N, C-alpha and C. Protein backbone atom coordinates (compact mmCIF):
# COMPACT_ATOMS: atom_id res chain seq x y z
N MET A 1 6.86 -14.56 -2.40
CA MET A 1 7.12 -13.82 -3.83
C MET A 1 6.25 -12.61 -4.10
N MET A 2 5.07 -12.73 -3.71
CA MET A 2 4.10 -11.47 -3.94
C MET A 2 4.47 -10.41 -3.13
N ARG A 3 4.86 -10.72 -1.73
CA ARG A 3 5.37 -9.65 -0.85
C ARG A 3 6.58 -8.90 -1.69
N ILE A 4 7.52 -9.49 -2.15
CA ILE A 4 8.62 -8.99 -2.81
C ILE A 4 8.13 -8.08 -3.99
N ALA A 5 7.21 -8.69 -4.87
CA ALA A 5 6.84 -7.98 -5.97
C ALA A 5 6.00 -6.75 -5.59
N CYS A 6 5.11 -6.65 -4.34
CA CYS A 6 4.53 -5.75 -4.08
C CYS A 6 5.59 -4.50 -3.48
N LEU A 7 6.51 -4.93 -2.69
CA LEU A 7 7.46 -4.09 -2.16
C LEU A 7 8.24 -3.27 -3.35
N LEU A 8 8.52 -4.04 -4.35
CA LEU A 8 9.16 -3.40 -5.52
C LEU A 8 8.18 -2.39 -6.24
N ILE A 9 6.88 -2.78 -6.16
CA ILE A 9 5.95 -1.92 -6.89
C ILE A 9 6.03 -0.56 -6.08
N LEU A 10 5.89 -0.63 -4.60
CA LEU A 10 5.88 0.39 -3.83
C LEU A 10 7.11 1.42 -4.04
N THR A 11 8.39 0.64 -4.48
CA THR A 11 9.56 1.38 -4.75
C THR A 11 9.43 2.20 -6.14
N VAL A 12 8.77 1.37 -7.14
CA VAL A 12 8.77 2.02 -8.40
C VAL A 12 7.62 3.14 -8.46
N PHE A 13 6.51 3.00 -7.92
CA PHE A 13 5.38 3.74 -8.14
C PHE A 13 5.20 4.87 -6.90
N CYS A 14 5.59 4.45 -5.74
CA CYS A 14 4.94 5.19 -4.58
C CYS A 14 5.93 5.95 -3.75
N MET A 15 7.24 5.45 -3.75
CA MET A 15 8.10 5.96 -2.74
C MET A 15 8.81 7.39 -3.32
N THR A 16 9.45 7.98 -2.31
CA THR A 16 10.17 9.37 -2.79
C THR A 16 11.44 8.88 -3.32
N PRO A 17 11.99 9.66 -3.99
CA PRO A 17 13.43 9.41 -4.70
C PRO A 17 14.39 8.84 -3.91
N ALA A 18 14.45 9.21 -2.60
CA ALA A 18 15.49 8.64 -1.71
C ALA A 18 15.26 7.08 -1.49
N TRP A 19 13.95 6.73 -1.67
CA TRP A 19 13.82 5.20 -1.50
C TRP A 19 13.86 4.60 -2.97
N ALA A 20 13.78 5.21 -3.94
CA ALA A 20 13.67 4.65 -5.13
C ALA A 20 14.95 4.12 -5.81
N ALA A 21 15.77 3.40 -5.00
CA ALA A 21 17.04 2.87 -5.50
C ALA A 21 16.85 1.52 -6.03
N GLY A 22 15.79 0.93 -6.09
CA GLY A 22 15.55 -0.38 -6.56
C GLY A 22 15.84 -0.58 -8.05
N ASP A 23 15.64 -1.74 -8.40
CA ASP A 23 15.62 -1.93 -10.04
C ASP A 23 14.39 -1.83 -10.63
N ALA A 24 14.19 -0.80 -11.29
CA ALA A 24 12.87 -0.41 -11.94
C ALA A 24 12.52 -1.44 -12.99
N ALA A 25 13.44 -2.09 -13.73
CA ALA A 25 13.05 -3.18 -14.72
C ALA A 25 12.46 -4.28 -14.00
N VAL A 26 12.99 -4.85 -12.80
CA VAL A 26 12.60 -5.83 -12.21
C VAL A 26 11.23 -5.56 -11.54
N GLY A 27 11.04 -4.35 -10.98
CA GLY A 27 9.66 -3.97 -10.37
C GLY A 27 8.71 -3.97 -11.49
N LYS A 28 9.02 -3.51 -12.68
CA LYS A 28 7.92 -3.38 -13.70
C LYS A 28 7.54 -4.80 -14.11
N THR A 29 8.48 -5.72 -14.17
CA THR A 29 8.25 -7.23 -14.58
C THR A 29 7.28 -7.82 -13.47
N LEU A 30 7.60 -7.61 -12.13
CA LEU A 30 6.85 -8.17 -11.03
C LEU A 30 5.44 -7.46 -11.05
N TYR A 31 5.37 -6.29 -11.37
CA TYR A 31 4.19 -5.53 -11.27
C TYR A 31 3.14 -5.85 -12.23
N ALA A 32 3.61 -6.73 -13.30
CA ALA A 32 2.76 -7.21 -14.47
C ALA A 32 1.46 -7.83 -13.84
N SER A 33 1.70 -8.61 -12.79
CA SER A 33 0.48 -9.46 -12.31
C SER A 33 -0.43 -8.56 -11.48
N CYS A 34 0.10 -7.49 -11.10
CA CYS A 34 -0.86 -6.54 -10.27
C CYS A 34 -1.64 -5.52 -11.36
N ALA A 35 -0.85 -5.31 -12.36
CA ALA A 35 -1.47 -4.42 -13.45
C ALA A 35 -2.78 -4.91 -13.97
N ALA A 36 -3.22 -6.10 -13.82
CA ALA A 36 -4.34 -6.70 -14.33
C ALA A 36 -5.60 -6.02 -13.54
N CYS A 37 -5.51 -5.69 -12.40
CA CYS A 37 -6.37 -5.05 -11.65
C CYS A 37 -6.22 -3.50 -11.31
N HIS A 38 -4.96 -3.28 -11.09
CA HIS A 38 -4.54 -1.84 -10.73
C HIS A 38 -4.26 -1.00 -11.81
N GLY A 39 -4.18 -1.57 -12.98
CA GLY A 39 -3.91 -0.63 -14.15
C GLY A 39 -2.18 -0.61 -14.39
N ALA A 40 -1.87 -0.51 -15.63
CA ALA A 40 -0.48 -0.40 -16.09
C ALA A 40 0.38 0.80 -15.32
N GLN A 41 -0.41 1.80 -15.08
CA GLN A 41 0.22 2.92 -14.36
C GLN A 41 -0.04 3.07 -12.84
N ALA A 42 -0.81 2.07 -12.28
CA ALA A 42 -1.20 1.84 -10.93
C ALA A 42 -2.25 2.96 -10.49
N VAL A 43 -3.09 3.38 -11.42
CA VAL A 43 -3.98 4.44 -11.33
C VAL A 43 -5.48 3.74 -10.85
N GLY A 44 -5.43 2.53 -10.77
CA GLY A 44 -6.58 1.71 -10.40
C GLY A 44 -7.44 1.46 -11.45
N LEU A 45 -8.56 0.61 -11.45
CA LEU A 45 -9.52 0.19 -12.46
C LEU A 45 -10.82 0.02 -11.79
N ALA A 46 -11.70 0.86 -12.08
CA ALA A 46 -13.06 1.06 -11.45
C ALA A 46 -13.78 -0.26 -11.86
N THR A 47 -13.64 -0.86 -13.00
CA THR A 47 -14.35 -1.88 -13.42
C THR A 47 -14.01 -3.26 -12.49
N MET A 48 -12.68 -3.04 -11.96
CA MET A 48 -12.21 -4.25 -11.07
C MET A 48 -12.39 -3.96 -9.65
N ASN A 49 -12.97 -2.92 -9.22
CA ASN A 49 -12.76 -2.33 -7.99
C ASN A 49 -11.56 -2.32 -7.27
N ALA A 50 -10.64 -1.81 -8.07
CA ALA A 50 -9.21 -1.98 -7.59
C ALA A 50 -8.79 -0.46 -7.40
N PRO A 51 -8.38 0.02 -6.31
CA PRO A 51 -7.91 1.40 -6.03
C PRO A 51 -6.70 1.68 -6.59
N ALA A 52 -6.31 3.01 -6.88
CA ALA A 52 -5.04 3.41 -7.19
C ALA A 52 -3.93 2.99 -6.12
N LEU A 53 -2.80 2.58 -6.72
CA LEU A 53 -1.68 2.38 -5.83
C LEU A 53 -0.77 3.60 -5.98
N ALA A 54 -0.64 4.31 -7.16
CA ALA A 54 0.20 5.30 -7.41
C ALA A 54 -0.27 6.59 -6.45
N GLY A 55 0.72 7.07 -5.78
CA GLY A 55 0.43 8.25 -5.14
C GLY A 55 0.12 7.79 -3.56
N GLN A 56 0.06 6.53 -3.37
CA GLN A 56 -0.44 6.21 -1.97
C GLN A 56 0.91 6.22 -1.20
N ASP A 57 0.77 6.47 0.21
CA ASP A 57 1.94 6.42 1.09
C ASP A 57 2.45 4.96 1.24
N ALA A 58 3.90 4.88 1.01
CA ALA A 58 4.39 3.63 1.10
C ALA A 58 4.05 2.88 2.37
N SER A 59 4.05 3.45 3.61
CA SER A 59 3.78 2.86 4.75
C SER A 59 2.46 2.19 4.78
N TYR A 60 1.47 3.01 4.13
CA TYR A 60 -0.13 2.55 4.28
C TYR A 60 -0.23 1.20 3.32
N LEU A 61 0.46 1.27 1.94
CA LEU A 61 0.53 0.02 1.31
C LEU A 61 1.21 -1.04 2.04
N GLU A 62 2.24 -0.94 2.54
CA GLU A 62 2.93 -1.95 3.27
C GLU A 62 2.17 -2.43 4.33
N ARG A 63 1.41 -1.58 5.16
CA ARG A 63 0.54 -1.98 6.19
C ARG A 63 -0.61 -2.76 5.71
N GLN A 64 -1.28 -2.37 4.69
CA GLN A 64 -2.32 -3.11 3.98
C GLN A 64 -1.86 -4.52 3.58
N LEU A 65 -0.79 -4.64 2.93
CA LEU A 65 -0.14 -5.79 2.40
C LEU A 65 -0.09 -6.83 3.62
N MET A 66 0.49 -6.31 4.85
CA MET A 66 0.62 -7.17 6.08
C MET A 66 -0.75 -7.43 6.44
N TYR A 67 -1.76 -6.66 6.60
CA TYR A 67 -3.04 -6.92 7.14
C TYR A 67 -3.58 -8.12 6.11
N PHE A 68 -3.46 -8.08 4.83
CA PHE A 68 -4.02 -9.31 4.01
C PHE A 68 -3.33 -10.46 4.22
N ARG A 69 -1.92 -10.43 4.48
CA ARG A 69 -1.15 -11.70 4.73
C ARG A 69 -1.49 -12.32 6.11
N THR A 70 -1.72 -11.59 7.16
CA THR A 70 -2.01 -12.12 8.40
C THR A 70 -3.64 -12.21 8.70
N GLY A 71 -4.39 -11.81 7.79
CA GLY A 71 -5.81 -12.04 7.89
C GLY A 71 -6.77 -11.08 8.67
N ILE A 72 -6.06 -9.96 8.97
CA ILE A 72 -6.64 -8.73 9.44
C ILE A 72 -7.63 -8.19 8.43
N ARG A 73 -7.21 -8.19 7.17
CA ARG A 73 -7.97 -7.73 6.16
C ARG A 73 -8.40 -9.20 5.31
N GLY A 74 -9.60 -9.33 4.86
CA GLY A 74 -10.06 -10.35 4.03
C GLY A 74 -10.58 -11.56 4.68
N ALA A 75 -10.46 -11.62 6.01
CA ALA A 75 -11.09 -12.70 6.70
C ALA A 75 -12.49 -12.58 7.00
N ASP A 76 -13.07 -11.37 7.27
CA ASP A 76 -14.53 -11.09 7.45
C ASP A 76 -15.18 -11.34 6.14
N PRO A 77 -16.40 -12.07 6.14
CA PRO A 77 -17.21 -12.26 5.02
C PRO A 77 -17.59 -10.85 4.23
N ALA A 78 -17.59 -9.80 5.02
CA ALA A 78 -18.12 -8.62 4.44
C ALA A 78 -17.00 -7.91 3.71
N ASP A 79 -15.85 -8.28 3.97
CA ASP A 79 -14.56 -7.63 3.27
C ASP A 79 -14.25 -8.41 1.95
N THR A 80 -15.15 -8.21 0.89
CA THR A 80 -14.94 -8.91 -0.24
C THR A 80 -13.77 -8.56 -1.09
N PHE A 81 -13.35 -7.19 -1.01
CA PHE A 81 -12.24 -6.84 -1.78
C PHE A 81 -10.95 -7.19 -0.93
N GLY A 82 -11.05 -7.33 0.31
CA GLY A 82 -9.86 -7.81 1.12
C GLY A 82 -9.68 -9.35 0.78
N ALA A 83 -10.53 -10.05 0.55
CA ALA A 83 -10.64 -11.33 0.37
C ALA A 83 -9.84 -11.66 -0.94
N GLN A 84 -10.12 -10.81 -1.89
CA GLN A 84 -9.58 -10.94 -3.24
C GLN A 84 -8.13 -10.85 -3.16
N MET A 85 -7.65 -9.76 -2.28
CA MET A 85 -6.18 -9.46 -1.98
C MET A 85 -5.50 -10.56 -1.26
N ARG A 86 -6.02 -11.18 -0.50
CA ARG A 86 -5.33 -12.17 0.58
C ARG A 86 -4.39 -12.97 -0.27
N GLY A 87 -4.80 -13.63 -1.32
CA GLY A 87 -3.87 -14.59 -1.91
C GLY A 87 -2.72 -13.76 -2.72
N MET A 88 -2.92 -12.59 -2.98
CA MET A 88 -1.93 -11.76 -3.68
C MET A 88 -0.85 -11.27 -2.75
N ALA A 89 -1.30 -10.96 -1.51
CA ALA A 89 -0.10 -10.34 -0.73
C ALA A 89 0.81 -11.45 -0.21
C-alpha cells in the first residue's frame, strides 16, 4: 500500500506532465501520511530531518523506495534516516 502511495506521490509532485496522468485527488489523499514528515507541499521539514520530495527525479525516488523495501537502505545501524523510512516504503 505504501508503495502505491509513494508512486502516486511521485506522479503528483515530481514527474513531468507526460507522466502526470494519474488521479491527483487519490494521490493527495495517499500523500497525507507522507506530509507529516515531508510537508504538505513535499518541500521537506528540517525539524523531522525529512528531505524535499518535490523536484526530485522520479527515478531517484523510485530507486530509494526500492532500497528501503529491500533493506539496502535502513539496515545499517548508522543509517538512522533510512531505518525510519523502511516501514513506510
